[in-house]
Amino acid sequence: MRWTWKFPKMSSHLRGAKWPVAWPQSKAFAQRFSSALTSFWPSEHFKSFAALFKSRHYAGPDDLFFSLEELPVMGKEYWFLHFCAPPNEEQVVVTVGRSVDPVQVNDQALRSGILHPDSVSCAAVCWYHSKRRQVAIDSLAQVSVSKKGRERSLTIQRGANSVVVSGHYPHFSISLTHRGHEVFRAHAHPPKHGLPYEKVHLLKNPIAPRLGAAMVNYYFDFEGKLEGKPLRGKAYLQKVVAVMPLAPWNWVRVHFAKGAALDFFAGKPFGDQKPSMHFASNDFFEVAGHRVRLGGVKLTSWLSGSKRRWLLSGPNLLLAMESYSLQTFSMKQKTKFQYDEYLVRVTDFVYARGPVCHTLQDLGPGVGLVEDASGYLI
């Protein structure tokens, strides 16, 4: 799950780290959209988002990741975990979040609010693919955090099913239990090359200055076992705290067997009805730890028999993918938000930059995830 706005204030372990983002330059559009978003919410109903984060002082990435927030009006917080190990098609996906307002999750009611200082009820989907799709949690779960010395833990629990992330930067242990049996265990740590994490504060944006978000993204390597099968690959762990509506988006994250990765995000505030108003950001291709910005990239999809196919294309890029597993997720208030997670394999890839051309022949097979989110949730 990816959130991006323009002009983020970002800090990471690397000096001078950059976060490429693109937004339309029309001030008139920004003013109209900001007015539309905020006209229904009098200013006295907003808790200052900037003040919230000034009071928290997230000194390090773990301080944000292993925390539970007191959410203001329109407040939301989410955790997202993704593990994949190309050329294998096994993947593990964990999506957990909550809104300050009551919501129905896959037709089950969820009432927000902190029930205990270190525990909250959340919407949750925890699943994995190992020869076939297996779903451990598909609607609601209890989320708790704890701290003992430097050690932190995040626990997502529903009955005999659970996900536990423990440790502290730069080393985490992850465990997934399904029906009382541990099916996935992994050790995650920074990669030898590339950015290991980034911490982003988005407190001011051109669309609606009263809205904003903060996030931490860990880009790790991992070693572990899924249903007894040894796996070694890439782990992506994210925590987001936001005060903004959920609007449609697409996110693509693909990893290749020899270590390269591609990341694409497009926000779609008006859905698919106005493709000219899709705003691409955070589009990059990374090889040998070096990120290259992708420009003018578009994502299209269509059904081909029982499979959904995706094509990400641009002036120097072609990425063709087909789905092999799908998990759906819906949330309802007065509106409905639909969130579909597709596991995909790469069927073709070409990226050319100057005299250099990358294909599947030198990158190895690719697998990953495509998120397709539609609808709205205030």
Protein backbone atom coordinates (compact mmCIF):
# COMPACT_ATOMS: atom_id res chain seq x y z
CA MET A 1 0.00 0.00 0.00
CA ARG A 2 1.51 3.31 -1.04
CA TRP A 3 0.68 6.94 -0.14
CA THR A 4 2.44 9.90 -1.76
CA TRP A 5 1.88 13.65 -2.02
CA LYS A 6 4.03 16.41 -3.40
CA PHE A 7 6.80 18.20 -1.51
CA PRO A 8 7.38 15.60 1.23
CA LYS A 9 9.85 16.30 3.98
CA MET A 10 11.80 13.08 4.09
CA SER A 11 14.56 11.78 6.26
CA SER A 12 16.46 8.53 5.97
CA HIS A 13 19.80 7.06 6.90
CA LEU A 14 21.21 8.41 3.62
CA ARG A 15 22.04 12.09 3.26
CA GLY A 16 20.46 13.71 0.25
CA ALA A 17 17.96 10.92 -0.40
CA LYS A 18 15.35 11.90 -2.96
CA TRP A 19 11.69 10.97 -3.39
CA PRO A 20 10.44 11.64 -6.94
CA VAL A 21 6.81 12.80 -7.00
CA ALA A 22 4.70 14.49 -9.67
CA TRP A 23 1.49 16.51 -9.26
CA PRO A 24 -0.46 18.72 -11.68
CA GLN A 25 0.75 22.29 -11.62
CA SER A 26 -2.69 23.91 -11.84
CA LYS A 27 -3.23 26.08 -8.75
CA ALA A 28 -6.86 26.55 -9.75
CA PHE A 29 -7.38 22.78 -9.71
CA ALA A 30 -5.71 22.50 -6.30
CA GLN A 31 -7.87 25.28 -4.84
CA ARG A 32 -11.11 23.79 -6.21
CA PHE A 33 -10.27 20.29 -5.01
CA SER A 34 -9.14 21.53 -1.60
CA SER A 35 -12.38 23.49 -1.20
CA ALA A 36 -14.45 20.45 -2.19
CA LEU A 37 -12.69 18.25 0.35
CA THR A 38 -12.83 20.65 3.26
CA SER A 39 -16.15 22.43 2.78
CA PHE A 40 -18.00 19.61 4.56
CA TRP A 41 -15.62 19.68 7.52
CA PRO A 42 -15.58 22.92 9.56
CA SER A 43 -12.09 23.88 10.66
CA GLU A 44 -12.92 23.37 14.34
CA HIS A 45 -13.48 19.65 13.61
CA PHE A 46 -9.85 19.21 12.54
CA LYS A 47 -7.10 18.38 14.93
CA SER A 48 -3.91 19.95 13.65
CA PHE A 49 -2.06 17.21 11.86
CA ALA A 50 1.20 19.12 12.05
CA ALA A 51 0.77 19.49 15.81
CA LEU A 52 0.13 15.75 16.10
CA PHE A 53 3.48 14.90 14.58
CA LYS A 54 5.36 17.68 16.36
CA SER A 55 4.16 16.17 19.61
CA ARG A 56 5.20 12.65 18.63
CA HIS A 57 8.80 13.38 17.55
CA TYR A 58 9.36 10.14 15.65
CA ALA A 59 13.07 9.95 16.37
CA GLY A 60 13.57 6.75 14.41
CA PRO A 61 11.66 4.54 11.99
CA ASP A 62 10.64 2.09 14.73
CA ASP A 63 8.95 4.87 16.71
CA LEU A 64 6.41 5.25 13.91
CA PHE A 65 6.11 1.61 12.88
CA PHE A 66 5.54 0.24 16.40
CA SER A 67 2.96 2.80 17.56
CA LEU A 68 -0.79 3.24 17.97
CA GLU A 69 -2.15 6.73 17.34
CA GLU A 70 -4.95 8.79 18.81
CA LEU A 71 -6.62 9.50 15.51
CA PRO A 72 -8.29 12.84 14.72
CA VAL A 73 -11.37 13.27 12.50
CA MET A 74 -10.75 11.46 9.18
CA GLY A 75 -7.72 9.82 10.81
CA LYS A 76 -6.46 6.43 9.64
CA GLU A 77 -3.46 4.21 10.27
CA TYR A 78 -2.23 1.20 8.31
CA TRP A 79 0.45 -1.44 8.30
CA PHE A 80 1.44 -3.30 5.15
CA LEU A 81 3.86 -6.24 4.88
CA HIS A 82 4.90 -7.95 1.65
CA PHE A 83 7.36 -10.80 1.13
CA CYS A 84 8.30 -12.31 -2.23
CA ALA A 85 11.17 -14.49 -3.39
CA PRO A 86 11.57 -14.67 -7.18
CA PRO A 87 11.82 -16.87 -9.15
CA ASN A 88 9.50 -18.66 -6.70
CA GLU A 89 5.84 -17.62 -6.82
CA GLU A 90 5.33 -17.91 -3.05
CA GLN A 91 4.33 -14.58 -1.53
CA VAL A 92 3.03 -13.36 1.84
CA VAL A 93 0.81 -10.26 2.13
CA VAL A 94 -0.45 -8.60 5.33
CA THR A 95 -2.72 -5.53 5.23
CA VAL A 96 -4.03 -4.10 8.50
CA GLY A 97 -5.64 -0.75 9.23
CA ARG A 98 -8.30 1.26 10.97
CA SER A 99 -10.28 4.47 10.68
CA VAL A 100 -11.39 6.77 13.46
CA ASP A 101 -14.98 6.26 12.25
CA PRO A 102 -16.97 2.98 12.40
CA VAL A 103 -16.72 0.90 9.23
CA GLN A 104 -17.91 -2.44 7.85
CA VAL A 105 -15.09 -4.73 6.76
CA ASN A 106 -16.15 -7.53 4.40
CA ASP A 107 -19.65 -7.04 5.89
CA GLN A 108 -18.44 -7.28 9.50
CA ALA A 109 -18.83 -4.20 11.70
CA LEU A 110 -15.71 -2.61 13.13
CA ARG A 111 -15.97 0.06 15.80
CA SER A 112 -12.83 2.10 16.11
CA GLY A 113 -11.24 3.59 19.18
CA ILE A 114 -8.46 2.37 21.43
CA LEU A 115 -9.85 -0.38 23.69
CA HIS A 116 -6.60 -0.57 25.62
CA PRO A 117 -3.59 1.77 25.55
CA ASP A 118 -1.63 -0.86 23.60
CA SER A 119 -4.42 -2.62 21.65
CA VAL A 120 -6.96 -1.69 18.95
CA SER A 121 -9.47 -3.41 16.67
CA CYS A 122 -8.50 -3.21 13.01
CA ALA A 123 -9.56 -4.32 9.57
CA ALA A 124 -7.14 -7.05 8.48
CA VAL A 125 -6.35 -9.32 5.56
CA CYS A 126 -3.43 -11.72 6.06
CA TRP A 127 -2.84 -14.25 3.31
CA TYR A 128 -0.17 -16.11 1.39
CA HIS A 129 0.31 -18.12 -1.78
CA SER A 130 2.09 -21.45 -1.59
CA LYS A 131 0.93 -23.57 -4.54
CA ARG A 132 -2.52 -22.15 -3.75
CA ARG A 133 -4.01 -19.21 -1.88
CA GLN A 134 -4.32 -19.52 1.90
CA VAL A 135 -6.14 -16.88 3.97
CA ALA A 136 -5.35 -16.60 7.68
CA ILE A 137 -7.39 -13.45 8.49
CA ASP A 138 -9.98 -11.93 6.15
CA SER A 139 -11.89 -9.22 8.03
CA LEU A 140 -11.10 -8.15 11.61
CA ALA A 141 -8.21 -8.56 14.04
CA GLN A 142 -6.85 -7.17 17.29
CA VAL A 143 -3.59 -5.25 16.92
CA SER A 144 -1.24 -4.61 19.83
CA VAL A 145 2.21 -3.13 20.28
CA SER A 146 4.77 -3.54 23.05
CA LYS A 147 8.24 -2.34 23.95
CA LYS A 148 10.86 -3.79 26.25
CA GLY A 149 14.18 -2.00 26.13
CA ARG A 150 15.11 -1.65 22.47
CA GLU A 151 12.95 -4.61 21.48
CA ARG A 152 9.58 -3.80 19.87
CA SER A 153 6.73 -5.99 18.74
CA LEU A 154 3.58 -5.66 16.64
CA THR A 155 0.99 -8.44 17.01
CA ILE A 156 -2.03 -8.98 14.75
CA GLN A 157 -4.34 -11.59 16.27
CA ARG A 158 -7.63 -13.26 15.40
CA GLY A 159 -8.30 -16.52 17.19
CA ALA A 160 -5.64 -19.10 16.32
CA ASN A 161 -4.32 -16.92 13.48
CA SER A 162 -1.68 -14.28 14.05
CA VAL A 163 1.15 -12.24 12.60
CA VAL A 164 3.99 -11.03 14.85
CA VAL A 165 6.74 -8.59 13.88
CA SER A 166 9.43 -8.25 16.55
CA GLY A 167 12.90 -6.80 17.00
CA HIS A 168 14.29 -3.36 16.26
CA TYR A 169 15.97 -1.70 13.31
CA PRO A 170 17.96 -3.06 11.55
CA HIS A 171 16.78 -6.63 12.30
CA PHE A 172 13.21 -7.95 12.49
CA SER A 173 11.69 -11.40 12.95
CA ILE A 174 8.31 -12.16 11.38
CA SER A 175 5.99 -15.05 12.19
CA LEU A 176 2.65 -16.01 10.60
CA THR A 177 0.47 -18.57 12.37
CA HIS A 178 -2.51 -20.16 10.61
CA ARG A 179 -4.97 -22.31 12.58
CA GLY A 180 -2.51 -22.59 15.43
CA HIS A 181 0.45 -23.72 13.28
CA GLU A 182 3.34 -21.48 12.30
CA VAL A 183 3.42 -21.48 8.49
CA PHE A 184 5.86 -18.62 7.86
CA ARG A 185 8.92 -17.45 9.75
CA ALA A 186 11.48 -14.99 8.43
CA HIS A 187 14.38 -12.79 9.44
CA ALA A 188 14.44 -9.39 7.70
CA HIS A 189 17.41 -7.03 7.51
CA PRO A 190 18.77 -4.19 5.32
CA PRO A 191 20.02 -5.10 1.84
CA LYS A 192 23.67 -4.89 0.84
CA HIS A 193 22.80 -2.24 -1.76
CA GLY A 194 20.11 0.40 -1.90
CA LEU A 195 17.99 2.36 0.54
CA PRO A 196 17.07 0.29 3.65
CA TYR A 197 14.31 2.62 4.87
CA GLU A 198 12.75 6.02 4.43
CA LYS A 199 10.68 8.11 6.82
CA VAL A 200 8.33 10.59 5.17
CA HIS A 201 6.33 13.44 6.72
CA LEU A 202 3.67 14.83 4.44
CA LEU A 203 2.30 17.76 6.42
CA LYS A 204 1.69 20.19 3.60
CA ASN A 205 0.35 19.49 0.14
CA PRO A 206 -1.13 21.55 -2.70
CA ILE A 207 -4.49 19.78 -2.62
CA ALA A 208 -5.73 20.28 0.94
CA PRO A 209 -3.43 21.85 3.53
CA ARG A 210 -5.50 20.47 6.43
CA LEU A 211 -4.78 16.93 5.32
CA GLY A 212 -1.55 14.99 5.48
CA ALA A 213 0.28 11.78 6.34
CA ALA A 214 3.44 10.30 7.78
CA MET A 215 4.95 6.97 6.85
CA VAL A 216 7.93 4.72 7.23
CA ASN A 217 8.95 2.23 4.52
CA TYR A 218 11.49 -0.53 5.15
CA TYR A 219 13.15 -2.09 2.07
CA PHE A 220 14.68 -5.29 3.43
CA ASP A 221 16.06 -8.64 2.39
CA PHE A 222 14.70 -11.71 4.16
CA GLU A 223 15.45 -15.39 4.68
CA GLY A 224 12.89 -17.82 6.01
CA LYS A 225 10.51 -20.68 5.38
CA LEU A 226 6.92 -20.81 4.11
CA GLU A 227 5.15 -24.10 4.81
CA GLY A 228 8.57 -25.70 5.27
CA LYS A 229 10.01 -24.42 1.99
CA PRO A 230 13.16 -22.27 2.33
CA LEU A 231 12.76 -18.82 0.79
CA ARG A 232 15.12 -15.90 0.28
CA GLY A 233 13.92 -12.63 -1.18
CA LYS A 234 12.66 -9.12 -0.60
CA ALA A 235 10.53 -7.74 2.26
CA TYR A 236 8.62 -4.47 2.21
CA LEU A 237 7.24 -3.22 5.54
CA GLN A 238 5.22 -0.01 5.79
CA LYS A 239 3.33 2.00 8.41
CA VAL A 240 1.15 4.98 7.44
CA VAL A 241 -0.72 7.47 9.60
CA ALA A 242 -3.00 9.74 7.58
CA VAL A 243 -5.72 12.36 7.83
CA MET A 244 -7.31 12.19 4.40
CA PRO A 245 -10.01 10.28 2.49
CA LEU A 246 -9.20 7.01 0.77
CA ALA A 247 -9.46 7.45 -3.00
CA PRO A 248 -8.74 5.06 -5.89
CA TRP A 249 -5.15 4.10 -6.71
CA ASN A 250 -2.96 1.50 -8.39
CA TRP A 251 0.34 0.32 -7.03
CA VAL A 252 2.78 -2.07 -8.69
CA ARG A 253 5.83 -3.51 -6.96
CA VAL A 254 7.80 -6.18 -8.80
CA HIS A 255 11.05 -7.92 -7.83
CA PHE A 256 13.36 -9.83 -10.14
CA ALA A 257 15.42 -12.90 -9.28
CA LYS A 258 18.79 -11.11 -9.56
CA GLY A 259 17.80 -8.27 -7.22
CA ALA A 260 16.30 -5.54 -9.43
CA ALA A 261 12.95 -3.97 -8.49
CA LEU A 262 10.33 -1.73 -10.05
CA ASP A 263 7.84 0.47 -8.16
CA PHE A 264 4.90 2.39 -9.62
CA PHE A 265 2.08 4.28 -7.91
CA ALA A 266 -0.79 6.22 -9.49
CA GLY A 267 -3.44 8.09 -7.51
CA LYS A 268 -6.82 8.30 -9.23
CA PRO A 269 -8.98 10.83 -7.31
CA PHE A 270 -11.70 10.64 -9.98
CA GLY A 271 -11.41 6.90 -10.57
CA ASP A 272 -11.05 5.41 -14.03
CA GLN A 273 -13.62 7.78 -15.53
CA LYS A 274 -10.98 10.46 -16.09
CA PRO A 275 -7.66 8.80 -16.93
CA SER A 276 -6.17 12.22 -17.72
CA MET A 277 -6.46 12.97 -13.97
CA HIS A 278 -4.34 10.02 -12.86
CA PHE A 279 -1.33 11.31 -10.95
CA ALA A 280 1.77 9.15 -11.13
CA SER A 281 4.41 9.34 -8.43
CA ASN A 282 7.20 7.27 -6.90
CA ASP A 283 7.91 5.58 -10.23
CA PHE A 284 11.37 4.02 -10.30
CA PHE A 285 13.41 1.10 -11.55
CA GLU A 286 16.17 -0.03 -9.20
CA VAL A 287 19.12 -2.18 -10.20
CA ALA A 288 22.32 -2.78 -8.20
CA GLY A 289 21.02 -0.41 -5.51
CA HIS A 290 20.68 2.52 -7.94
CA ARG A 291 17.23 4.03 -8.56
CA VAL A 292 16.26 5.54 -11.89
CA ARG A 293 13.14 7.69 -12.19
CA LEU A 294 10.53 6.49 -14.68
CA GLY A 295 8.64 9.18 -16.54
CA GLY A 296 5.41 9.15 -18.54
CA VAL A 297 4.43 5.67 -17.37
CA LYS A 298 0.85 4.37 -17.64
CA LEU A 299 -0.85 1.22 -16.35
CA THR A 300 -3.62 -0.60 -18.21
CA SER A 301 -5.34 -3.94 -17.52
CA TRP A 302 -7.83 -6.33 -19.03
CA LEU A 303 -9.28 -9.78 -18.45
CA SER A 304 -7.92 -12.69 -20.47
CA GLY A 305 -9.92 -15.78 -19.61
CA SER A 306 -9.60 -16.32 -15.87
CA LYS A 307 -6.51 -14.13 -15.57
CA ARG A 308 -6.14 -10.39 -15.32
CA ARG A 309 -3.31 -9.00 -17.36
CA TRP A 310 -1.49 -5.75 -16.65
CA LEU A 311 0.70 -3.61 -18.89
CA LEU A 312 2.93 -0.85 -17.52
CA SER A 313 4.40 1.12 -20.40
CA GLY A 314 6.31 4.31 -21.05
CA PRO A 315 8.83 5.86 -23.45
CA ASN A 316 11.61 3.44 -22.42
CA LEU A 317 9.65 0.78 -20.55
CA LEU A 318 7.45 -2.24 -21.13
CA LEU A 319 6.37 -4.43 -18.22
CA ALA A 320 3.79 -7.15 -18.93
CA MET A 321 2.27 -9.11 -16.04
CA GLU A 322 -0.41 -11.72 -15.47
CA SER A 323 -2.18 -12.52 -12.21
CA TYR A 324 -2.04 -15.93 -10.57
CA SER A 325 -3.75 -15.20 -7.22
CA LEU A 326 -6.22 -12.63 -5.88
CA GLN A 327 -7.51 -11.48 -2.49
CA THR A 328 -10.32 -8.93 -2.24
CA PHE A 329 -11.17 -6.58 0.59
CA SER A 330 -14.01 -4.08 1.02
CA MET A 331 -14.83 -1.37 3.55
CA LYS A 332 -18.15 0.46 3.86
CA GLN A 333 -19.31 3.60 5.61
CA LYS A 334 -21.71 5.77 3.65
CA THR A 335 -19.53 4.94 0.67
CA LYS A 336 -17.72 1.77 -0.36
CA PHE A 337 -13.99 1.26 -0.84
CA GLN A 338 -12.83 -1.84 -2.70
CA TYR A 339 -9.22 -3.01 -2.38
CA ASP A 340 -7.95 -5.92 -4.50
CA GLU A 341 -4.50 -7.47 -4.16
CA TYR A 342 -3.24 -9.36 -7.22
CA LEU A 343 -0.14 -11.53 -7.13
CA VAL A 344 1.50 -11.35 -10.55
CA ARG A 345 4.28 -12.93 -12.55
CA VAL A 346 6.21 -10.94 -15.15
CA THR A 347 5.71 -12.25 -18.68
CA ASP A 348 7.83 -9.66 -20.49
CA PHE A 349 10.11 -6.78 -19.55
CA VAL A 350 12.23 -4.25 -21.42
CA TYR A 351 13.81 -1.10 -20.01
CA ALA A 352 16.21 0.94 -22.11
CA ARG A 353 18.27 3.88 -20.89
CA GLY A 354 20.91 5.16 -23.24
CA PRO A 355 23.09 2.27 -24.39
CA VAL A 356 21.88 0.02 -21.54
CA CYS A 357 18.91 -2.31 -22.05
CA HIS A 358 17.53 -4.60 -19.33
CA THR A 359 15.35 -7.63 -20.08
CA LEU A 360 14.29 -10.79 -18.28
CA GLN A 361 17.37 -12.46 -19.73
CA ASP A 362 19.72 -10.48 -17.48
CA LEU A 363 17.31 -9.70 -14.59
CA GLY A 364 15.84 -13.16 -14.16
CA PRO A 365 12.14 -14.00 -13.60
CA GLY A 366 9.99 -11.43 -11.84
CA VAL A 367 7.06 -11.67 -9.43
CA GLY A 368 5.21 -9.14 -7.34
CA LEU A 369 2.01 -7.42 -6.38
CA VAL A 370 -0.53 -5.14 -8.05
CA GLU A 371 -2.99 -3.22 -5.87
CA ASP A 372 -6.22 -2.07 -7.50
CA ALA A 373 -8.21 0.21 -5.20
CA SER A 374 -11.54 1.77 -6.16
CA GLY A 375 -14.27 3.76 -4.46
CA TYR A 376 -13.95 6.23 -1.59
CA LEU A 377 -13.84 6.18 2.19
CA ILE A 378 -13.95 9.39 4.25
